[in-house]
Amino acid sequence: LMQELSLDYTLFFNELESHLNQKITSEQLQKISYGLIDDENLEKFNKF
């Protein structure tokens, strides 16, 4: 998931800590990704 979505290593864990028991929005995910976040990628992340 990290490599496919080009996620930032440090920011991922910071975001993970703040999103326990809740989904993440496309805008929030884009802030920690160096790729383009579409609906499919958002679904993959929330499934994780």
All heavy atoms as atom14 arrays in JSON, in Angstrom:
{
  "sequence": "LMQELSLDYTLFFNELESHLNQKITSEQLQKISYGLIDDENLEKFNKF",
  "atom14_mask": [
    [1, 1, 1, 1, 1, 1, 1, 1, 0, 0, 0, 0, 0, 0],
    [1, 1, 1, 1, 1, 1, 1, 1, 0, 0, 0, 0, 0, 0],
    [1, 1, 1, 1, 1, 1, 1, 1, 1, 0, 0, 0, 0, 0],
    [1, 1, 1, 1, 1, 1, 1, 1, 1, 0, 0, 0, 0, 0],
    [1, 1, 1, 1, 1, 1, 1, 1, 0, 0, 0, 0, 0, 0],
    [1, 1, 1, 1, 1, 1, 0, 0, 0, 0, 0, 0, 0, 0],
    [1, 1, 1, 1, 1, 1, 1, 1, 0, 0, 0, 0, 0, 0],
    [1, 1, 1, 1, 1, 1, 1, 1, 0, 0, 0, 0, 0, 0],
    [1, 1, 1, 1, 1, 1, 1, 1, 1, 1, 1, 1, 0, 0],
    [1, 1, 1, 1, 1, 1, 1, 0, 0, 0, 0, 0, 0, 0],
    [1, 1, 1, 1, 1, 1, 1, 1, 0, 0, 0, 0, 0, 0],
    [1, 1, 1, 1, 1, 1, 1, 1, 1, 1, 1, 0, 0, 0],
    [1, 1, 1, 1, 1, 1, 1, 1, 1, 1, 1, 0, 0, 0],
    [1, 1, 1, 1, 1, 1, 1, 1, 0, 0, 0, 0, 0, 0],
    [1, 1, 1, 1, 1, 1, 1, 1, 1, 0, 0, 0, 0, 0],
    [1, 1, 1, 1, 1, 1, 1, 1, 0, 0, 0, 0, 0, 0],
    [1, 1, 1, 1, 1, 1, 1, 1, 1, 0, 0, 0, 0, 0],
    [1, 1, 1, 1, 1, 1, 0, 0, 0, 0, 0, 0, 0, 0],
    [1, 1, 1, 1, 1, 1, 1, 1, 1, 1, 0, 0, 0, 0],
    [1, 1, 1, 1, 1, 1, 1, 1, 0, 0, 0, 0, 0, 0],
    [1, 1, 1, 1, 1, 1, 1, 1, 0, 0, 0, 0, 0, 0],
    [1, 1, 1, 1, 1, 1, 1, 1, 1, 0, 0, 0, 0, 0],
    [1, 1, 1, 1, 1, 1, 1, 1, 1, 0, 0, 0, 0, 0],
    [1, 1, 1, 1, 1, 1, 1, 1, 0, 0, 0, 0, 0, 0],
    [1, 1, 1, 1, 1, 1, 1, 0, 0, 0, 0, 0, 0, 0],
    [1, 1, 1, 1, 1, 1, 0, 0, 0, 0, 0, 0, 0, 0],
    [1, 1, 1, 1, 1, 1, 1, 1, 1, 0, 0, 0, 0, 0],
    [1, 1, 1, 1, 1, 1, 1, 1, 1, 0, 0, 0, 0, 0],
    [1, 1, 1, 1, 1, 1, 1, 1, 0, 0, 0, 0, 0, 0],
    [1, 1, 1, 1, 1, 1, 1, 1, 1, 0, 0, 0, 0, 0],
    [1, 1, 1, 1, 1, 1, 1, 1, 1, 0, 0, 0, 0, 0],
    [1, 1, 1, 1, 1, 1, 1, 1, 0, 0, 0, 0, 0, 0],
    [1, 1, 1, 1, 1, 1, 0, 0, 0, 0, 0, 0, 0, 0],
    [1, 1, 1, 1, 1, 1, 1, 1, 1, 1, 1, 1, 0, 0],
    [1, 1, 1, 1, 0, 0, 0, 0, 0, 0, 0, 0, 0, 0],
    [1, 1, 1, 1, 1, 1, 1, 1, 0, 0, 0, 0, 0, 0],
    [1, 1, 1, 1, 1, 1, 1, 1, 0, 0, 0, 0, 0, 0],
    [1, 1, 1, 1, 1, 1, 1, 1, 0, 0, 0, 0, 0, 0],
    [1, 1, 1, 1, 1, 1, 1, 1, 0, 0, 0, 0, 0, 0],
    [1, 1, 1, 1, 1, 1, 1, 1, 1, 0, 0, 0, 0, 0],
    [1, 1, 1, 1, 1, 1, 1, 1, 0, 0, 0, 0, 0, 0],
    [1, 1, 1, 1, 1, 1, 1, 1, 0, 0, 0, 0, 0, 0],
    [1, 1, 1, 1, 1, 1, 1, 1, 1, 0, 0, 0, 0, 0],
    [1, 1, 1, 1, 1, 1, 1, 1, 1, 0, 0, 0, 0, 0],
    [1, 1, 1, 1, 1, 1, 1, 1, 1, 1, 1, 0, 0, 0],
    [1, 1, 1, 1, 1, 1, 1, 1, 0, 0, 0, 0, 0, 0],
    [1, 1, 1, 1, 1, 1, 1, 1, 1, 0, 0, 0, 0, 0],
    [1, 1, 1, 1, 1, 1, 1, 1, 1, 1, 1, 0, 0, 0]
  ],
  "atom14_positions": [
    [[0.83, -1.2, 0.0], [0.0, 0.0, 0.0], [0.86, 1.25, 0.0], [0.6, 2.2, -0.75], [-0.91, -0.01, 1.23], [-1.85, 1.19, 1.37], [-3.04, 1.03, 0.43], [-2.34, 1.34, 2.82], [0.0, 0.0, 0.0], [0.0, 0.0, 0.0], [0.0, 0.0, 0.0], [0.0, 0.0, 0.0], [0.0, 0.0, 0.0], [0.0, 0.0, 0.0]],
    [[1.9, 1.27, 0.85], [2.79, 2.43, 0.95], [3.42, 2.76, -0.39], [3.46, 3.93, -0.81], [3.87, 2.18, 1.99], [3.4, 2.08, 3.43], [2.79, 3.63, 4.12], [4.31, 4.57, 4.28], [0.0, 0.0, 0.0], [0.0, 0.0, 0.0], [0.0, 0.0, 0.0], [0.0, 0.0, 0.0], [0.0, 0.0, 0.0], [0.0, 0.0, 0.0]],
    [[3.92, 1.74, -1.06], [4.62, 1.98, -2.32], [3.63, 2.28, -3.45], [3.9, 3.13, -4.3], [5.52, 0.79, -2.65], [6.56, 0.52, -1.59], [7.91, 0.05, -2.13], [8.94, 0.23, -1.5], [7.91, -0.52, -3.31], [0.0, 0.0, 0.0], [0.0, 0.0, 0.0], [0.0, 0.0, 0.0], [0.0, 0.0, 0.0], [0.0, 0.0, 0.0]],
    [[2.5, 1.61, -3.47], [1.52, 1.82, -4.54], [0.94, 3.23, -4.49], [0.72, 3.86, -5.53], [0.41, 0.79, -4.43], [-0.57, 0.82, -5.59], [-1.64, -0.26, -5.5], [-1.53, -1.14, -4.59], [-2.56, -0.24, -6.32], [0.0, 0.0, 0.0], [0.0, 0.0, 0.0], [0.0, 0.0, 0.0], [0.0, 0.0, 0.0], [0.0, 0.0, 0.0]],
    [[0.7, 3.73, -3.28], [0.1, 5.05, -3.13], [1.14, 6.16, -2.89], [0.78, 7.31, -2.69], [-0.91, 5.06, -1.97], [-2.35, 4.63, -2.3], [-2.41, 3.23, -2.87], [-3.22, 4.74, -1.05], [0.0, 0.0, 0.0], [0.0, 0.0, 0.0], [0.0, 0.0, 0.0], [0.0, 0.0, 0.0], [0.0, 0.0, 0.0], [0.0, 0.0, 0.0]],
    [[2.44, 5.8, -2.92], [3.53, 6.76, -2.71], [3.3, 7.57, -1.43], [3.31, 8.8, -1.42], [3.67, 7.72, -3.91], [4.01, 7.02, -5.07], [0.0, 0.0, 0.0], [0.0, 0.0, 0.0], [0.0, 0.0, 0.0], [0.0, 0.0, 0.0], [0.0, 0.0, 0.0], [0.0, 0.0, 0.0], [0.0, 0.0, 0.0], [0.0, 0.0, 0.0]],
    [[3.11, 6.85, -0.33], [2.79, 7.5, 0.93], [4.06, 7.92, 1.69], [5.07, 7.22, 1.66], [1.96, 6.57, 1.81], [0.6, 6.15, 1.22], [-0.11, 5.18, 2.15], [-0.27, 7.37, 0.95], [0.0, 0.0, 0.0], [0.0, 0.0, 0.0], [0.0, 0.0, 0.0], [0.0, 0.0, 0.0], [0.0, 0.0, 0.0], [0.0, 0.0, 0.0]],
    [[3.96, 9.04, 2.37], [5.06, 9.55, 3.16], [5.22, 8.7, 4.41], [4.25, 8.47, 5.16], [4.79, 11.01, 3.54], [5.97, 11.67, 4.2], [6.18, 11.44, 5.41], [6.67, 12.42, 3.52], [0.0, 0.0, 0.0], [0.0, 0.0, 0.0], [0.0, 0.0, 0.0], [0.0, 0.0, 0.0], [0.0, 0.0, 0.0], [0.0, 0.0, 0.0]],
    [[6.45, 8.25, 4.69], [6.71, 7.3, 5.78], [6.36, 7.89, 7.15], [5.61, 7.29, 7.94], [8.17, 6.87, 5.74], [8.55, 5.79, 6.72], [7.9, 4.56, 6.71], [9.58, 5.98, 7.63], [8.26, 3.55, 7.59], [9.96, 4.98, 8.51], [9.29, 3.77, 8.5], [9.65, 2.77, 9.37], [0.0, 0.0, 0.0], [0.0, 0.0, 0.0]],
    [[6.87, 9.06, 7.45], [6.62, 9.68, 8.76], [5.16, 10.1, 8.9], [4.52, 9.82, 9.92], [7.54, 10.91, 8.96], [8.91, 10.49, 8.89], [7.28, 11.58, 10.3], [0.0, 0.0, 0.0], [0.0, 0.0, 0.0], [0.0, 0.0, 0.0], [0.0, 0.0, 0.0], [0.0, 0.0, 0.0], [0.0, 0.0, 0.0], [0.0, 0.0, 0.0]],
    [[4.64, 10.76, 7.88], [3.28, 11.28, 7.96], [2.24, 10.17, 8.01], [1.18, 10.34, 8.61], [3.0, 12.22, 6.78], [3.86, 13.48, 6.71], [3.45, 14.31, 5.5], [3.76, 14.3, 7.99], [0.0, 0.0, 0.0], [0.0, 0.0, 0.0], [0.0, 0.0, 0.0], [0.0, 0.0, 0.0], [0.0, 0.0, 0.0], [0.0, 0.0, 0.0]],
    [[2.55, 9.02, 7.38], [1.6, 7.91, 7.43], [1.3, 7.51, 8.87], [0.14, 7.36, 9.26], [2.14, 6.7, 6.66], [1.37, 5.43, 6.94], [0.2, 5.16, 6.25], [1.79, 4.53, 7.91], [-0.54, 4.01, 6.53], [1.07, 3.38, 8.19], [-0.1, 3.12, 7.5], [0.0, 0.0, 0.0], [0.0, 0.0, 0.0], [0.0, 0.0, 0.0]],
    [[2.34, 7.31, 9.67], [2.12, 6.86, 11.05], [1.47, 7.95, 11.9], [0.68, 7.65, 12.8], [3.43, 6.36, 11.65], [3.84, 5.01, 11.16], [4.81, 4.88, 10.18], [3.22, 3.87, 11.63], [5.17, 3.62, 9.7], [3.57, 2.61, 11.17], [4.55, 2.49, 10.2], [0.0, 0.0, 0.0], [0.0, 0.0, 0.0], [0.0, 0.0, 0.0]],
    [[1.79, 9.2, 11.62], [1.13, 10.29, 12.34], [-0.36, 10.32, 12.0], [-1.21, 10.53, 12.88], [1.77, 11.62, 12.0], [3.22, 11.74, 12.46], [3.94, 12.62, 12.02], [3.65, 10.85, 13.34], [0.0, 0.0, 0.0], [0.0, 0.0, 0.0], [0.0, 0.0, 0.0], [0.0, 0.0, 0.0], [0.0, 0.0, 0.0], [0.0, 0.0, 0.0]],
    [[-0.67, 10.1, 10.72], [-2.06, 10.09, 10.29], [-2.79, 8.87, 10.84], [-3.96, 8.95, 11.25], [-2.12, 10.09, 8.76], [-3.45, 10.52, 8.16], [-3.74, 12.0, 8.36], [-2.77, 12.79, 8.56], [-4.92, 12.38, 8.33], [0.0, 0.0, 0.0], [0.0, 0.0, 0.0], [0.0, 0.0, 0.0], [0.0, 0.0, 0.0], [0.0, 0.0, 0.0]],
    [[-2.09, 7.74, 10.89], [-2.69, 6.51, 11.4], [-3.13, 6.69, 12.86], [-4.22, 6.27, 13.26], [-1.69, 5.36, 11.29], [-2.21, 3.95, 11.55], [-3.18, 3.53, 10.45], [-1.05, 2.96, 11.62], [0.0, 0.0, 0.0], [0.0, 0.0, 0.0], [0.0, 0.0, 0.0], [0.0, 0.0, 0.0], [0.0, 0.0, 0.0], [0.0, 0.0, 0.0]],
    [[-2.27, 7.32, 13.63], [-2.57, 7.55, 15.05], [-3.81, 8.42, 15.23], [-4.59, 8.23, 16.16], [-1.37, 8.23, 15.71], [-1.54, 8.51, 17.18], [-0.46, 9.43, 17.72], [0.69, 9.32, 17.25], [-0.79, 10.25, 18.58], [0.0, 0.0, 0.0], [0.0, 0.0, 0.0], [0.0, 0.0, 0.0], [0.0, 0.0, 0.0], [0.0, 0.0, 0.0]],
    [[-4.02, 9.38, 14.32], [-5.15, 10.31, 14.46], [-6.42, 9.81, 13.81], [-7.46, 10.47, 13.89], [-4.76, 11.68, 13.88], [-4.51, 11.56, 12.49], [0.0, 0.0, 0.0], [0.0, 0.0, 0.0], [0.0, 0.0, 0.0], [0.0, 0.0, 0.0], [0.0, 0.0, 0.0], [0.0, 0.0, 0.0], [0.0, 0.0, 0.0], [0.0, 0.0, 0.0]],
    [[-6.34, 8.65, 13.14], [-7.54, 8.13, 12.47], [-7.94, 6.75, 12.98], [-8.43, 5.92, 12.22], [-7.34, 8.11, 10.94], [-7.56, 9.44, 10.31], [-6.55, 10.38, 10.22], [-8.67, 10.01, 9.78], [-7.03, 11.47, 9.64], [-8.31, 11.27, 9.36], [0.0, 0.0, 0.0], [0.0, 0.0, 0.0], [0.0, 0.0, 0.0], [0.0, 0.0, 0.0]],
    [[-7.71, 6.5, 14.23], [-8.17, 5.24, 14.8], [-9.7, 5.24, 14.84], [-10.32, 6.23, 15.25], [-7.6, 5.07, 16.22], [-6.07, 4.99, 16.32], [-5.64, 4.87, 17.77], [-5.54, 3.81, 15.52], [0.0, 0.0, 0.0], [0.0, 0.0, 0.0], [0.0, 0.0, 0.0], [0.0, 0.0, 0.0], [0.0, 0.0, 0.0], [0.0, 0.0, 0.0]],
    [[-10.28, 4.16, 14.37], [-11.74, 3.98, 14.38], [-12.49, 4.96, 13.47], [-13.67, 5.25, 13.69], [-12.3, 4.1, 15.8], [-11.7, 3.07, 16.74], [-11.69, 1.88, 16.43], [-11.18, 3.53, 17.87], [0.0, 0.0, 0.0], [0.0, 0.0, 0.0], [0.0, 0.0, 0.0], [0.0, 0.0, 0.0], [0.0, 0.0, 0.0], [0.0, 0.0, 0.0]],
    [[-11.82, 5.52, 12.47], [-12.51, 6.38, 11.53], [-11.84, 6.34, 10.16], [-10.65, 6.08, 10.05], [-12.55, 7.83, 12.04], [-11.17, 8.44, 12.31], [-11.26, 9.86, 12.8], [-11.8, 10.73, 12.11], [-10.76, 10.12, 14.01], [0.0, 0.0, 0.0], [0.0, 0.0, 0.0], [0.0, 0.0, 0.0], [0.0, 0.0, 0.0], [0.0, 0.0, 0.0]],
    [[-12.63, 6.59, 9.14], [-12.1, 6.59, 7.79], [-11.38, 7.9, 7.5], [-11.55, 8.89, 8.2], [-13.23, 6.37, 6.78], [-13.81, 4.96, 6.78], [-14.82, 4.79, 5.67], [-15.32, 3.34, 5.62], [-16.28, 3.13, 4.5], [0.0, 0.0, 0.0], [0.0, 0.0, 0.0], [0.0, 0.0, 0.0], [0.0, 0.0, 0.0], [0.0, 0.0, 0.0]],
    [[-10.6, 7.88, 6.42], [-9.86, 9.06, 6.01], [-10.49, 9.61, 4.74], [-11.05, 8.86, 3.93], [-8.37, 8.72, 5.78], [-7.52, 9.97, 5.66], [-8.19, 7.83, 4.55], [-6.02, 9.68, 5.67], [0.0, 0.0, 0.0], [0.0, 0.0, 0.0], [0.0, 0.0, 0.0], [0.0, 0.0, 0.0], [0.0, 0.0, 0.0], [0.0, 0.0, 0.0]],
    [[-10.46, 10.91, 4.55], [-11.03, 11.52, 3.34], [-9.97, 11.61, 2.26], [-8.77, 11.48, 2.51], [-11.55, 12.94, 3.63], [-10.43, 13.79, 3.94], [-12.53, 12.94, 4.8], [0.0, 0.0, 0.0], [0.0, 0.0, 0.0], [0.0, 0.0, 0.0], [0.0, 0.0, 0.0], [0.0, 0.0, 0.0], [0.0, 0.0, 0.0], [0.0, 0.0, 0.0]],
    [[-10.41, 11.85, 1.05], [-9.51, 11.98, -0.08], [-8.52, 13.13, 0.14], [-7.33, 13.02, -0.15], [-10.3, 12.21, -1.37], [-9.43, 12.39, -2.46], [0.0, 0.0, 0.0], [0.0, 0.0, 0.0], [0.0, 0.0, 0.0], [0.0, 0.0, 0.0], [0.0, 0.0, 0.0], [0.0, 0.0, 0.0], [0.0, 0.0, 0.0], [0.0, 0.0, 0.0]],
    [[-9.02, 14.24, 0.67], [-8.16, 15.41, 0.91], [-7.09, 15.1, 1.97], [-5.93, 15.5, 1.84], [-9.0, 16.61, 1.37], [-9.91, 17.2, 0.31], [-11.15, 16.36, 0.06], [-11.44, 15.45, 0.89], [-11.83, 16.59, -0.96], [0.0, 0.0, 0.0], [0.0, 0.0, 0.0], [0.0, 0.0, 0.0], [0.0, 0.0, 0.0], [0.0, 0.0, 0.0]],
    [[-7.48, 14.38, 3.0], [-6.53, 14.03, 4.06], [-5.47, 13.06, 3.52], [-4.29, 13.2, 3.86], [-7.27, 13.39, 5.24], [-8.12, 14.38, 6.02], [-9.07, 13.7, 6.99], [-9.54, 12.57, 6.74], [-9.37, 14.35, 8.11], [0.0, 0.0, 0.0], [0.0, 0.0, 0.0], [0.0, 0.0, 0.0], [0.0, 0.0, 0.0], [0.0, 0.0, 0.0]],
    [[-5.88, 12.11, 2.71], [-4.93, 11.14, 2.16], [-3.96, 11.81, 1.19], [-2.79, 11.46, 1.15], [-5.7, 10.01, 1.48], [-4.86, 8.85, 0.94], [-3.97, 8.25, 2.03], [-5.77, 7.76, 0.35], [0.0, 0.0, 0.0], [0.0, 0.0, 0.0], [0.0, 0.0, 0.0], [0.0, 0.0, 0.0], [0.0, 0.0, 0.0], [0.0, 0.0, 0.0]],
    [[-4.46, 12.77, 0.43], [-3.59, 13.46, -0.52], [-2.46, 14.21, 0.19], [-1.36, 14.35, -0.36], [-4.41, 14.45, -1.35], [-3.63, 15.06, -2.53], [-3.25, 14.03, -3.57], [-4.08, 13.52, -4.29], [-1.96, 13.71, -3.64], [0.0, 0.0, 0.0], [0.0, 0.0, 0.0], [0.0, 0.0, 0.0], [0.0, 0.0, 0.0], [0.0, 0.0, 0.0]],
    [[-2.72, 14.65, 1.42], [-1.69, 15.39, 2.16], [-0.5, 14.52, 2.55], [0.56, 15.05, 2.9], [-2.31, 16.01, 3.42], [-3.24, 17.17, 3.13], [-3.8, 17.74, 4.42], [-4.74, 18.91, 4.13], [-5.3, 19.5, 5.39], [0.0, 0.0, 0.0], [0.0, 0.0, 0.0], [0.0, 0.0, 0.0], [0.0, 0.0, 0.0], [0.0, 0.0, 0.0]],
    [[-0.66, 13.19, 2.5], [0.47, 12.32, 2.87], [0.93, 11.46, 1.68], [1.73, 10.55, 1.86], [0.12, 11.43, 4.07], [-0.98, 10.42, 3.72], [-0.26, 12.26, 5.28], [-1.21, 9.37, 4.79], [0.0, 0.0, 0.0], [0.0, 0.0, 0.0], [0.0, 0.0, 0.0], [0.0, 0.0, 0.0], [0.0, 0.0, 0.0], [0.0, 0.0, 0.0]],
    [[0.41, 11.78, 0.49], [0.77, 11.0, -0.69], [1.47, 11.86, -1.73], [1.11, 13.03, -1.93], [-0.5, 10.38, -1.32], [-0.2, 9.8, -2.57], [0.0, 0.0, 0.0], [0.0, 0.0, 0.0], [0.0, 0.0, 0.0], [0.0, 0.0, 0.0], [0.0, 0.0, 0.0], [0.0, 0.0, 0.0], [0.0, 0.0, 0.0], [0.0, 0.0, 0.0]],
    [[2.46, 11.28, -2.4], [3.16, 11.97, -3.49], [2.59, 11.58, -4.85], [3.08, 12.02, -5.88], [4.66, 11.66, -3.42], [5.31, 12.22, -2.19], [5.41, 11.44, -1.03], [5.8, 13.51, -2.14], [5.99, 11.95, 0.14], [6.38, 14.04, -1.0], [6.47, 13.25, 0.14], [7.04, 13.76, 1.28], [0.0, 0.0, 0.0], [0.0, 0.0, 0.0]],
    [[1.54, 10.74, -4.83], [0.85, 10.38, -6.06], [-0.5, 11.05, -6.12], [-0.84, 11.9, -5.29], [0.0, 0.0, 0.0], [0.0, 0.0, 0.0], [0.0, 0.0, 0.0], [0.0, 0.0, 0.0], [0.0, 0.0, 0.0], [0.0, 0.0, 0.0], [0.0, 0.0, 0.0], [0.0, 0.0, 0.0], [0.0, 0.0, 0.0], [0.0, 0.0, 0.0]],
    [[-1.29, 10.67, -7.11], [-2.64, 11.22, -7.23], [-3.62, 10.25, -6.58], [-3.63, 9.06, -6.89], [-2.99, 11.44, -8.71], [-2.23, 12.56, -9.42], [-2.6, 12.6, -10.9], [-2.53, 13.91, -8.77], [0.0, 0.0, 0.0], [0.0, 0.0, 0.0], [0.0, 0.0, 0.0], [0.0, 0.0, 0.0], [0.0, 0.0, 0.0], [0.0, 0.0, 0.0]],
    [[-4.44, 10.75, -5.7], [-5.4, 9.92, -4.99], [-6.76, 9.98, -5.69], [-7.38, 11.04, -5.8], [-5.54, 10.39, -3.52], [-4.19, 10.25, -2.79], [-6.62, 9.59, -2.81], [-3.63, 8.85, -2.76], [0.0, 0.0, 0.0], [0.0, 0.0, 0.0], [0.0, 0.0, 0.0], [0.0, 0.0, 0.0], [0.0, 0.0, 0.0], [0.0, 0.0, 0.0]],
    [[-7.19, 8.82, -6.17], [-8.52, 8.73, -6.77], [-9.4, 7.88, -5.85], [-8.99, 7.45, -4.77], [-8.45, 8.12, -8.18], [-7.74, 6.78, -8.21], [-7.65, 6.12, -7.16], [-7.27, 6.37, -9.3], [0.0, 0.0, 0.0], [0.0, 0.0, 0.0], [0.0, 0.0, 0.0], [0.0, 0.0, 0.0], [0.0, 0.0, 0.0], [0.0, 0.0, 0.0]],
    [[-10.64, 7.63, -6.28], [-11.58, 6.89, -5.44], [-11.08, 5.47, -5.15], [-11.26, 4.95, -4.04], [-12.94, 6.82, -6.13], [-13.63, 8.17, -6.16], [-13.22, 9.05, -5.37], [-14.57, 8.35, -6.96], [0.0, 0.0, 0.0], [0.0, 0.0, 0.0], [0.0, 0.0, 0.0], [0.0, 0.0, 0.0], [0.0, 0.0, 0.0], [0.0, 0.0, 0.0]],
    [[-10.43, 4.86, -6.14], [-9.94, 3.5, -5.96], [-8.85, 3.45, -4.9], [-8.85, 2.56, -4.03], [-9.4, 2.96, -7.29], [-8.91, 1.51, -7.22], [-8.36, 1.01, -8.54], [-8.47, 1.74, -9.55], [-7.8, -0.12, -8.55], [0.0, 0.0, 0.0], [0.0, 0.0, 0.0], [0.0, 0.0, 0.0], [0.0, 0.0, 0.0], [0.0, 0.0, 0.0]],
    [[-7.93, 4.4, -4.94], [-6.85, 4.45, -3.95], [-7.39, 4.76, -2.55], [-6.91, 4.22, -1.55], [-5.81, 5.5, -4.34], [-4.95, 5.05, -5.51], [-4.8, 3.86, -5.76], [-4.4, 6.01, -6.24], [0.0, 0.0, 0.0], [0.0, 0.0, 0.0], [0.0, 0.0, 0.0], [0.0, 0.0, 0.0], [0.0, 0.0, 0.0], [0.0, 0.0, 0.0]],
    [[-8.39, 5.64, -2.5], [-9.0, 5.96, -1.21], [-9.66, 4.73, -0.61], [-9.55, 4.47, 0.6], [-10.03, 7.07, -1.39], [-10.74, 7.55, -0.12], [-9.74, 8.15, 0.86], [-11.83, 8.56, -0.46], [0.0, 0.0, 0.0], [0.0, 0.0, 0.0], [0.0, 0.0, 0.0], [0.0, 0.0, 0.0], [0.0, 0.0, 0.0], [0.0, 0.0, 0.0]],
    [[-10.32, 3.95, -1.46], [-10.97, 2.73, -0.98], [-9.94, 1.73, -0.46], [-10.15, 1.09, 0.57], [-11.78, 2.1, -2.12], [-12.57, 0.88, -1.69], [-13.38, 0.27, -2.83], [-13.51, 0.92, -3.88], [-13.89, -0.85, -2.65], [0.0, 0.0, 0.0], [0.0, 0.0, 0.0], [0.0, 0.0, 0.0], [0.0, 0.0, 0.0], [0.0, 0.0, 0.0]],
    [[-8.8, 1.63, -1.16], [-7.73, 0.73, -0.73], [-7.21, 1.13, 0.64], [-6.96, 0.28, 1.51], [-6.59, 0.73, -1.74], [-6.87, 0.02, -3.04], [-5.67, 0.12, -3.98], [-5.97, -0.57, -5.31], [-4.84, -0.44, -6.26], [0.0, 0.0, 0.0], [0.0, 0.0, 0.0], [0.0, 0.0, 0.0], [0.0, 0.0, 0.0], [0.0, 0.0, 0.0]],
    [[-7.04, 2.43, 0.84], [-6.5, 2.89, 2.1], [-7.49, 2.64, 3.25], [-7.1, 2.17, 4.32], [-6.15, 4.38, 2.03], [-5.34, 4.86, 3.2], [-3.96, 4.83, 3.16], [-5.96, 5.32, 4.36], [-3.2, 5.26, 4.25], [-5.2, 5.74, 5.46], [-3.83, 5.7, 5.39], [0.0, 0.0, 0.0], [0.0, 0.0, 0.0], [0.0, 0.0, 0.0]],
    [[-8.74, 2.94, 3.02], [-9.73, 2.74, 4.08], [-9.97, 1.26, 4.37], [-10.27, 0.88, 5.51], [-11.03, 3.44, 3.71], [-10.97, 4.94, 4.0], [-10.47, 5.35, 5.04], [-11.45, 5.76, 3.07], [0.0, 0.0, 0.0], [0.0, 0.0, 0.0], [0.0, 0.0, 0.0], [0.0, 0.0, 0.0], [0.0, 0.0, 0.0], [0.0, 0.0, 0.0]],
    [[-9.79, 0.43, 3.35], [-9.86, -1.01, 3.58], [-8.71, -1.45, 4.48], [-8.89, -2.27, 5.39], [-9.79, -1.76, 2.25], [-9.92, -3.27, 2.39], [-9.85, -3.96, 1.03], [-9.94, -5.49, 1.2], [-9.84, -6.2, -0.1], [0.0, 0.0, 0.0], [0.0, 0.0, 0.0], [0.0, 0.0, 0.0], [0.0, 0.0, 0.0], [0.0, 0.0, 0.0]],
    [[-7.53, -0.86, 4.24], [-6.39, -1.16, 5.11], [-6.68, -0.71, 6.54], [-6.35, -1.42, 7.5], [-5.13, -0.47, 4.6], [-3.98, -0.53, 5.57], [-3.2, -1.66, 5.67], [-3.71, 0.54, 6.43], [-2.17, -1.73, 6.6], [-2.69, 0.47, 7.35], [-1.91, -0.67, 7.44], [0.0, 0.0, 0.0], [0.0, 0.0, 0.0], [0.0, 0.0, 0.0]]
  ]
}
